[in-house]
Amino acid sequence: MNKFRDARTQPGQLLKADELGRIEVVARGDEMVVRRDVAAARWWARGFARRAAGREARALKRLHDVDGVPALLEWNGRELLRSYIAGAPMQQAKPGDRAFYAQALSLLVALHRRGIVHNDLAKEPNWLVRPDGRPALVDFQIAWTRGRRGRLFRMLAREDLRHLLKHKRTYCPGALTSRQRRMLDTPALPSRLWRATGKRLYKLVARRVFGYWDNEGKGRVRD
């Protein structure tokens, strides 16, 4: 039996529905695609949801030929369509293969060379393990898309890498190098400031408003 549960996903399956809208798999001709419906967001969150979807569209457009990133198919200000990537989220697949993390590092390098920082790689659901064991990334709603590669960009890119190393420490700790362990022990200044200030407020809002209590980050499914 294939352990990658979403490889059996069928068109019409709801992946997520919360105050920021709906994400579902739909049929487009003979292929499955993923639709983010911003119009389904709560009225008070619609502006934020539209900006987040626009940011994701910019990131995917810049990464159009990077393997392991969904292809942008359409963004019209109301709904975003992207290609469907079969695979299991990291918390289900629990990748313990050294090759996965080497390939994931190469994927991050490809993003950063295009001037994109994901910014949300602490969430395991944003990492997919494809049926052949290769990594993929989804959910670029809060990605850095400005393209400028200054000091802030470099710090944020380093945090992308450090979050990958956290997952490596969880699922494949024996493969960590001494240099990688030192990086895990020295978060960048923005990360330290975030943990000291905004992280508690973020968790409060995420839990009380969106119902994000668990590691899967699915939130409450609303009608």
C-alpha atoms as a PDB file:
ATOM      1  CA  MET A   1       0.000   0.000   0.000  1.00  0.00           C
ATOM      2  CA  ASN A   2       1.286   3.473  -0.903  1.00  0.00           C
ATOM      3  CA  LYS A   3       2.062   5.340   2.305  1.00  0.00           C
ATOM      4  CA  PHE A   4       1.643   8.713   0.584  1.00  0.00           C
ATOM      5  CA  ARG A   5      -2.002   9.277   1.342  1.00  0.00           C
ATOM      6  CA  ASP A   6      -2.518  12.373  -0.788  1.00  0.00           C
ATOM      7  CA  ALA A   7      -1.229  10.515  -3.853  1.00  0.00           C
ATOM      8  CA  ARG A   8      -4.780   9.119  -3.875  1.00  0.00           C
ATOM      9  CA  THR A   9      -6.376  12.546  -3.614  1.00  0.00           C
ATOM     10  CA  GLN A  10      -9.401  13.010  -5.852  1.00  0.00           C
ATOM     11  CA  PRO A  11     -10.757  16.221  -7.398  1.00  0.00           C
ATOM     12  CA  GLY A  12     -13.171  17.964  -5.071  1.00  0.00           C
ATOM     13  CA  GLN A  13     -11.253  17.149  -1.888  1.00  0.00           C
ATOM     14  CA  LEU A  14     -11.146  19.991   0.608  1.00  0.00           C
ATOM     15  CA  LEU A  15      -7.646  20.506   1.972  1.00  0.00           C
ATOM     16  CA  LYS A  16      -8.315  23.468   4.245  1.00  0.00           C
ATOM     17  CA  ALA A  17     -11.078  25.969   5.010  1.00  0.00           C
ATOM     18  CA  ASP A  18     -10.737  28.770   7.528  1.00  0.00           C
ATOM     19  CA  GLU A  19     -11.122  32.523   7.894  1.00  0.00           C
ATOM     20  CA  LEU A  20      -8.653  33.089   5.033  1.00  0.00           C
ATOM     21  CA  GLY A  21     -10.648  31.094   2.485  1.00  0.00           C
ATOM     22  CA  ARG A  22     -10.731  27.583   1.047  1.00  0.00           C
ATOM     23  CA  ILE A  23      -8.028  25.390  -0.451  1.00  0.00           C
ATOM     24  CA  GLU A  24      -9.211  22.386  -2.417  1.00  0.00           C
ATOM     25  CA  VAL A  25      -8.188  20.018  -5.183  1.00  0.00           C
ATOM     26  CA  VAL A  26     -10.211  20.541  -8.350  1.00  0.00           C
ATOM     27  CA  ALA A  27     -10.212  19.098 -11.853  1.00  0.00           C
ATOM     28  CA  ARG A  28      -8.904  21.238 -14.714  1.00  0.00           C
ATOM     29  CA  GLY A  29      -9.362  19.253 -17.881  1.00  0.00           C
ATOM     30  CA  ASP A  30      -7.639  15.931 -17.333  1.00  0.00           C
ATOM     31  CA  GLU A  31      -5.423  17.075 -14.467  1.00  0.00           C
ATOM     32  CA  MET A  32      -5.825  17.868 -10.789  1.00  0.00           C
ATOM     33  CA  VAL A  33      -4.936  21.353  -9.597  1.00  0.00           C
ATOM     34  CA  VAL A  34      -5.075  23.130  -6.250  1.00  0.00           C
ATOM     35  CA  ARG A  35      -7.381  26.145  -5.925  1.00  0.00           C
ATOM     36  CA  ARG A  36      -7.088  28.798  -3.244  1.00  0.00           C
ATOM     37  CA  ASP A  37     -10.430  30.619  -3.092  1.00  0.00           C
ATOM     38  CA  VAL A  38      -9.851  34.038  -1.545  1.00  0.00           C
ATOM     39  CA  ALA A  39     -13.474  35.074  -2.070  1.00  0.00           C
ATOM     40  CA  ALA A  40     -14.463  32.484   0.550  1.00  0.00           C
ATOM     41  CA  ALA A  41     -12.492  34.322   3.247  1.00  0.00           C
ATOM     42  CA  ARG A  42     -14.298  36.115   6.069  1.00  0.00           C
ATOM     43  CA  TRP A  43     -15.049  39.712   5.162  1.00  0.00           C
ATOM     44  CA  TRP A  44     -12.645  41.086   7.760  1.00  0.00           C
ATOM     45  CA  ALA A  45      -9.785  38.858   6.544  1.00  0.00           C
ATOM     46  CA  ARG A  46     -10.373  39.164   2.804  1.00  0.00           C
ATOM     47  CA  GLY A  47      -7.852  41.967   2.260  1.00  0.00           C
ATOM     48  CA  PHE A  48      -5.104  40.066   4.044  1.00  0.00           C
ATOM     49  CA  ALA A  49      -6.022  36.842   2.226  1.00  0.00           C
ATOM     50  CA  ARG A  50      -5.820  38.612  -1.140  1.00  0.00           C
ATOM     51  CA  ARG A  51      -2.401  40.082  -0.373  1.00  0.00           C
ATOM     52  CA  ALA A  52      -1.132  36.706   0.835  1.00  0.00           C
ATOM     53  CA  ALA A  53      -2.369  34.983  -2.323  1.00  0.00           C
ATOM     54  CA  GLY A  54      -0.785  37.711  -4.441  1.00  0.00           C
ATOM     55  CA  ARG A  55       2.517  37.165  -2.664  1.00  0.00           C
ATOM     56  CA  GLU A  56       2.275  33.439  -3.305  1.00  0.00           C
ATOM     57  CA  ALA A  57       1.554  34.101  -6.983  1.00  0.00           C
ATOM     58  CA  ARG A  58       4.663  36.309  -7.285  1.00  0.00           C
ATOM     59  CA  ALA A  59       6.831  33.684  -5.617  1.00  0.00           C
ATOM     60  CA  LEU A  60       5.546  30.825  -7.777  1.00  0.00           C
ATOM     61  CA  LYS A  61       5.951  32.897 -10.936  1.00  0.00           C
ATOM     62  CA  ARG A  62       9.591  33.569 -10.122  1.00  0.00           C
ATOM     63  CA  LEU A  63      10.135  29.882  -9.308  1.00  0.00           C
ATOM     64  CA  HIS A  64       8.293  28.623 -12.394  1.00  0.00           C
ATOM     65  CA  ASP A  65      10.967  26.141 -13.498  1.00  0.00           C
ATOM     66  CA  VAL A  66      12.187  24.946 -10.096  1.00  0.00           C
ATOM     67  CA  ASP A  67      11.475  21.260  -9.511  1.00  0.00           C
ATOM     68  CA  GLY A  68       9.697  20.723  -6.201  1.00  0.00           C
ATOM     69  CA  VAL A  69       7.658  23.942  -6.321  1.00  0.00           C
ATOM     70  CA  PRO A  70       4.081  24.114  -7.657  1.00  0.00           C
ATOM     71  CA  ALA A  71       3.592  25.881 -10.963  1.00  0.00           C
ATOM     72  CA  LEU A  72       1.398  28.983 -10.974  1.00  0.00           C
ATOM     73  CA  LEU A  73      -1.503  28.383 -13.361  1.00  0.00           C
ATOM     74  CA  GLU A  74      -3.694  31.414 -12.708  1.00  0.00           C
ATOM     75  CA  TRP A  75      -4.217  34.297 -10.302  1.00  0.00           C
ATOM     76  CA  ASN A  76      -7.094  36.689 -10.985  1.00  0.00           C
ATOM     77  CA  GLY A  77      -7.405  38.441  -7.624  1.00  0.00           C
ATOM     78  CA  ARG A  78     -10.154  36.089  -6.519  1.00  0.00           C
ATOM     79  CA  GLU A  79      -8.699  32.605  -6.835  1.00  0.00           C
ATOM     80  CA  LEU A  80      -5.237  31.163  -7.273  1.00  0.00           C
ATOM     81  CA  LEU A  81      -4.682  27.960  -9.215  1.00  0.00           C
ATOM     82  CA  ARG A  82      -1.439  26.022  -8.862  1.00  0.00           C
ATOM     83  CA  SER A  83      -0.298  22.629 -10.002  1.00  0.00           C
ATOM     84  CA  TYR A  84      -0.887  19.662  -7.738  1.00  0.00           C
ATOM     85  CA  ILE A  85       2.149  17.855  -6.322  1.00  0.00           C
ATOM     86  CA  ALA A  86       1.529  14.342  -5.038  1.00  0.00           C
ATOM     87  CA  GLY A  87       3.174  13.571  -1.721  1.00  0.00           C
ATOM     88  CA  ALA A  88       2.740  13.302   2.012  1.00  0.00           C
ATOM     89  CA  PRO A  89       3.345  16.146   4.474  1.00  0.00           C
ATOM     90  CA  MET A  90       6.500  15.753   6.499  1.00  0.00           C
ATOM     91  CA  GLN A  91       4.749  14.952   9.783  1.00  0.00           C
ATOM     92  CA  GLN A  92       3.157  11.930   8.102  1.00  0.00           C
ATOM     93  CA  ALA A  93       6.099  10.716   6.016  1.00  0.00           C
ATOM     94  CA  LYS A  94       8.759  11.329   8.720  1.00  0.00           C
ATOM     95  CA  PRO A  95      11.680  11.327   6.245  1.00  0.00           C
ATOM     96  CA  GLY A  96      14.718   9.606   7.716  1.00  0.00           C
ATOM     97  CA  ASP A  97      16.785   9.377   4.531  1.00  0.00           C
ATOM     98  CA  ARG A  98      19.922  11.526   4.313  1.00  0.00           C
ATOM     99  CA  ALA A  99      19.266  12.040   0.604  1.00  0.00           C
ATOM    100  CA  PHE A 100      16.005  13.832   1.358  1.00  0.00           C
ATOM    101  CA  TYR A 101      17.787  16.546   3.343  1.00  0.00           C
ATOM    102  CA  ALA A 102      20.527  16.949   0.760  1.00  0.00           C
ATOM    103  CA  GLN A 103      17.864  17.440  -1.910  1.00  0.00           C
ATOM    104  CA  ALA A 104      15.886  19.770   0.378  1.00  0.00           C
ATOM    105  CA  LEU A 105      19.000  21.896   0.827  1.00  0.00           C
ATOM    106  CA  SER A 106      19.427  22.087  -2.960  1.00  0.00           C
ATOM    107  CA  LEU A 107      15.782  23.152  -3.228  1.00  0.00           C
ATOM    108  CA  LEU A 108      16.323  25.957  -0.721  1.00  0.00           C
ATOM    109  CA  VAL A 109      19.430  27.103  -2.594  1.00  0.00           C
ATOM    110  CA  ALA A 110      17.351  27.298  -5.784  1.00  0.00           C
ATOM    111  CA  LEU A 111      14.752  29.451  -4.007  1.00  0.00           C
ATOM    112  CA  HIS A 112      17.303  31.796  -2.533  1.00  0.00           C
ATOM    113  CA  ARG A 113      19.126  32.217  -5.844  1.00  0.00           C
ATOM    114  CA  ARG A 114      15.841  33.480  -7.304  1.00  0.00           C
ATOM    115  CA  GLY A 115      15.535  36.009  -4.492  1.00  0.00           C
ATOM    116  CA  ILE A 116      12.767  34.097  -2.696  1.00  0.00           C
ATOM    117  CA  VAL A 117      12.715  33.208   1.021  1.00  0.00           C
ATOM    118  CA  HIS A 118       9.890  30.918   2.085  1.00  0.00           C
ATOM    119  CA  ASN A 119       9.636  32.252   5.674  1.00  0.00           C
ATOM    120  CA  ASP A 120       7.309  29.488   6.929  1.00  0.00           C
ATOM    121  CA  LEU A 121       9.405  26.334   6.926  1.00  0.00           C
ATOM    122  CA  ALA A 122       9.005  25.620  10.631  1.00  0.00           C
ATOM    123  CA  LYS A 123       5.599  24.163   9.668  1.00  0.00           C
ATOM    124  CA  GLU A 124       6.055  20.546   8.666  1.00  0.00           C
ATOM    125  CA  PRO A 125       2.950  20.539   6.387  1.00  0.00           C
ATOM    126  CA  ASN A 126       4.765  22.982   4.096  1.00  0.00           C
ATOM    127  CA  TRP A 127       7.288  20.222   3.319  1.00  0.00           C
ATOM    128  CA  LEU A 128       6.061  17.387   1.124  1.00  0.00           C
ATOM    129  CA  VAL A 129       7.750  14.041   0.628  1.00  0.00           C
ATOM    130  CA  ARG A 130       6.941  12.911  -2.902  1.00  0.00           C
ATOM    131  CA  PRO A 131       6.317   9.248  -3.766  1.00  0.00           C
ATOM    132  CA  ASP A 132       9.911   8.907  -5.019  1.00  0.00           C
ATOM    133  CA  GLY A 133      11.256  10.384  -1.771  1.00  0.00           C
ATOM    134  CA  ARG A 134      12.168  13.816  -3.128  1.00  0.00           C
ATOM    135  CA  PRO A 135      11.126  17.006  -1.284  1.00  0.00           C
ATOM    136  CA  ALA A 136       8.670  19.659  -2.398  1.00  0.00           C
ATOM    137  CA  LEU A 137       7.547  22.958  -0.880  1.00  0.00           C
ATOM    138  CA  VAL A 138       4.085  24.514  -0.744  1.00  0.00           C
ATOM    139  CA  ASP A 139       2.354  27.553   0.814  1.00  0.00           C
ATOM    140  CA  PHE A 140       4.307  30.679  -0.141  1.00  0.00           C
ATOM    141  CA  GLN A 141       1.808  33.114   1.412  1.00  0.00           C
ATOM    142  CA  ILE A 142       4.359  34.915   3.586  1.00  0.00           C
ATOM    143  CA  ALA A 143       7.377  34.461   1.322  1.00  0.00           C
ATOM    144  CA  TRP A 144       9.925  37.218   0.746  1.00  0.00           C
ATOM    145  CA  THR A 145       9.392  38.184  -2.900  1.00  0.00           C
ATOM    146  CA  ARG A 146      11.163  41.536  -3.150  1.00  0.00           C
ATOM    147  CA  GLY A 147      14.170  40.040  -4.894  1.00  0.00           C
ATOM    148  CA  ARG A 148      16.657  42.277  -3.107  1.00  0.00           C
ATOM    149  CA  ARG A 149      19.444  40.258  -1.519  1.00  0.00           C
ATOM    150  CA  GLY A 150      20.565  42.539   1.284  1.00  0.00           C
ATOM    151  CA  ARG A 151      21.351  41.845   4.915  1.00  0.00           C
ATOM    152  CA  LEU A 152      17.749  41.130   5.911  1.00  0.00           C
ATOM    153  CA  PHE A 153      17.351  38.721   2.992  1.00  0.00           C
ATOM    154  CA  ARG A 154      20.456  36.813   4.079  1.00  0.00           C
ATOM    155  CA  MET A 155      19.226  36.552   7.680  1.00  0.00           C
ATOM    156  CA  LEU A 156      15.817  35.286   6.576  1.00  0.00           C
ATOM    157  CA  ALA A 157      17.400  32.812   4.149  1.00  0.00           C
ATOM    158  CA  ARG A 158      19.544  31.521   6.993  1.00  0.00           C
ATOM    159  CA  GLU A 159      16.381  30.941   9.028  1.00  0.00           C
ATOM    160  CA  ASP A 160      14.907  28.918   6.137  1.00  0.00           C
ATOM    161  CA  LEU A 161      17.960  26.689   6.374  1.00  0.00           C
ATOM    162  CA  ARG A 162      17.847  26.514  10.165  1.00  0.00           C
ATOM    163  CA  HIS A 163      14.223  25.341  10.079  1.00  0.00           C
ATOM    164  CA  LEU A 164      15.202  22.599   7.652  1.00  0.00           C
ATOM    165  CA  LEU A 165      17.941  21.557  10.068  1.00  0.00           C
ATOM    166  CA  LYS A 166      15.396  21.420  12.904  1.00  0.00           C
ATOM    167  CA  HIS A 167      13.407  18.875  10.932  1.00  0.00           C
ATOM    168  CA  LYS A 168      16.595  16.993  10.125  1.00  0.00           C
ATOM    169  CA  ARG A 169      17.368  16.898  13.848  1.00  0.00           C
ATOM    170  CA  THR A 170      13.915  15.410  14.464  1.00  0.00           C
ATOM    171  CA  TYR A 171      13.870  12.733  11.768  1.00  0.00           C
ATOM    172  CA  CYS A 172      17.512  12.135  10.815  1.00  0.00           C
ATOM    173  CA  PRO A 173      19.674  13.404  13.708  1.00  0.00           C
ATOM    174  CA  GLY A 174      22.647  11.186  12.905  1.00  0.00           C
ATOM    175  CA  ALA A 175      23.178  13.035   9.638  1.00  0.00           C
ATOM    176  CA  LEU A 176      23.719  16.459  11.269  1.00  0.00           C
ATOM    177  CA  THR A 177      27.228  17.829  10.907  1.00  0.00           C
ATOM    178  CA  SER A 178      28.971  19.763  13.660  1.00  0.00           C
ATOM    179  CA  ARG A 179      28.570  22.950  11.634  1.00  0.00           C
ATOM    180  CA  GLN A 180      24.838  22.325  11.308  1.00  0.00           C
ATOM    181  CA  ARG A 181      24.523  21.732  15.039  1.00  0.00           C
ATOM    182  CA  ARG A 182      26.226  25.074  15.697  1.00  0.00           C
ATOM    183  CA  MET A 183      23.780  26.783  13.349  1.00  0.00           C
ATOM    184  CA  LEU A 184      20.856  25.241  15.229  1.00  0.00           C
ATOM    185  CA  ASP A 185      22.256  26.676  18.449  1.00  0.00           C
ATOM    186  CA  THR A 186      22.607  30.218  17.037  1.00  0.00           C
ATOM    187  CA  PRO A 187      19.312  31.571  15.664  1.00  0.00           C
ATOM    188  CA  ALA A 188      19.498  34.853  13.778  1.00  0.00           C
ATOM    189  CA  LEU A 189      18.571  38.141  15.469  1.00  0.00           C
ATOM    190  CA  PRO A 190      15.084  38.373  13.847  1.00  0.00           C
ATOM    191  CA  SER A 191      14.305  34.895  15.137  1.00  0.00           C
ATOM    192  CA  ARG A 192      15.433  35.751  18.669  1.00  0.00           C
ATOM    193  CA  LEU A 193      13.394  38.969  18.634  1.00  0.00           C
ATOM    194  CA  TRP A 194      10.354  37.111  17.292  1.00  0.00           C
ATOM    195  CA  ARG A 195      10.503  34.505  20.034  1.00  0.00           C
ATOM    196  CA  ALA A 196      10.919  37.196  22.671  1.00  0.00           C
ATOM    197  CA  THR A 197       8.107  39.442  21.444  1.00  0.00           C
ATOM    198  CA  GLY A 198       5.643  38.496  18.717  1.00  0.00           C
ATOM    199  CA  LYS A 199       5.547  34.709  18.882  1.00  0.00           C
ATOM    200  CA  ARG A 200       3.208  34.525  21.882  1.00  0.00           C
ATOM    201  CA  LEU A 201       0.765  36.949  20.282  1.00  0.00           C
ATOM    202  CA  TYR A 202       0.931  35.007  17.014  1.00  0.00           C
ATOM    203  CA  LYS A 203       0.139  31.748  18.811  1.00  0.00           C
ATOM    204  CA  LEU A 204      -2.751  33.374  20.650  1.00  0.00           C
ATOM    205  CA  VAL A 205      -4.294  34.690  17.426  1.00  0.00           C
ATOM    206  CA  ALA A 206      -3.610  31.461  15.524  1.00  0.00           C
ATOM    207  CA  ARG A 207      -5.250  29.359  18.208  1.00  0.00           C
ATOM    208  CA  ARG A 208      -8.161  31.581  19.193  1.00  0.00           C
ATOM    209  CA  VAL A 209      -9.089  32.882  15.731  1.00  0.00           C
ATOM    210  CA  PHE A 210      -7.995  30.140  13.329  1.00  0.00           C
ATOM    211  CA  GLY A 211      -7.964  27.104  15.612  1.00  0.00           C
ATOM    212  CA  TYR A 212      -4.360  26.144  14.759  1.00  0.00           C
ATOM    213  CA  TRP A 213      -3.593  23.973  17.753  1.00  0.00           C
ATOM    214  CA  ASP A 214      -1.553  21.161  16.260  1.00  0.00           C
ATOM    215  CA  ASN A 215       1.577  20.657  14.208  1.00  0.00           C
ATOM    216  CA  GLU A 216      -0.441  20.029  11.069  1.00  0.00           C
ATOM    217  CA  GLY A 217      -1.685  23.624  11.041  1.00  0.00           C
ATOM    218  CA  LYS A 218      -5.012  22.772   9.422  1.00  0.00           C
ATOM    219  CA  GLY A 219      -7.127  24.889  11.728  1.00  0.00           C
ATOM    220  CA  ARG A 220     -10.879  24.657  12.074  1.00  0.00           C
ATOM    221  CA  VAL A 221     -12.771  23.623   8.985  1.00  0.00           C
ATOM    222  CA  ARG A 222     -15.679  26.005   8.595  1.00  0.00           C
ATOM    223  CA  ASP A 223     -18.662  25.838   6.283  1.00  0.00           C
END
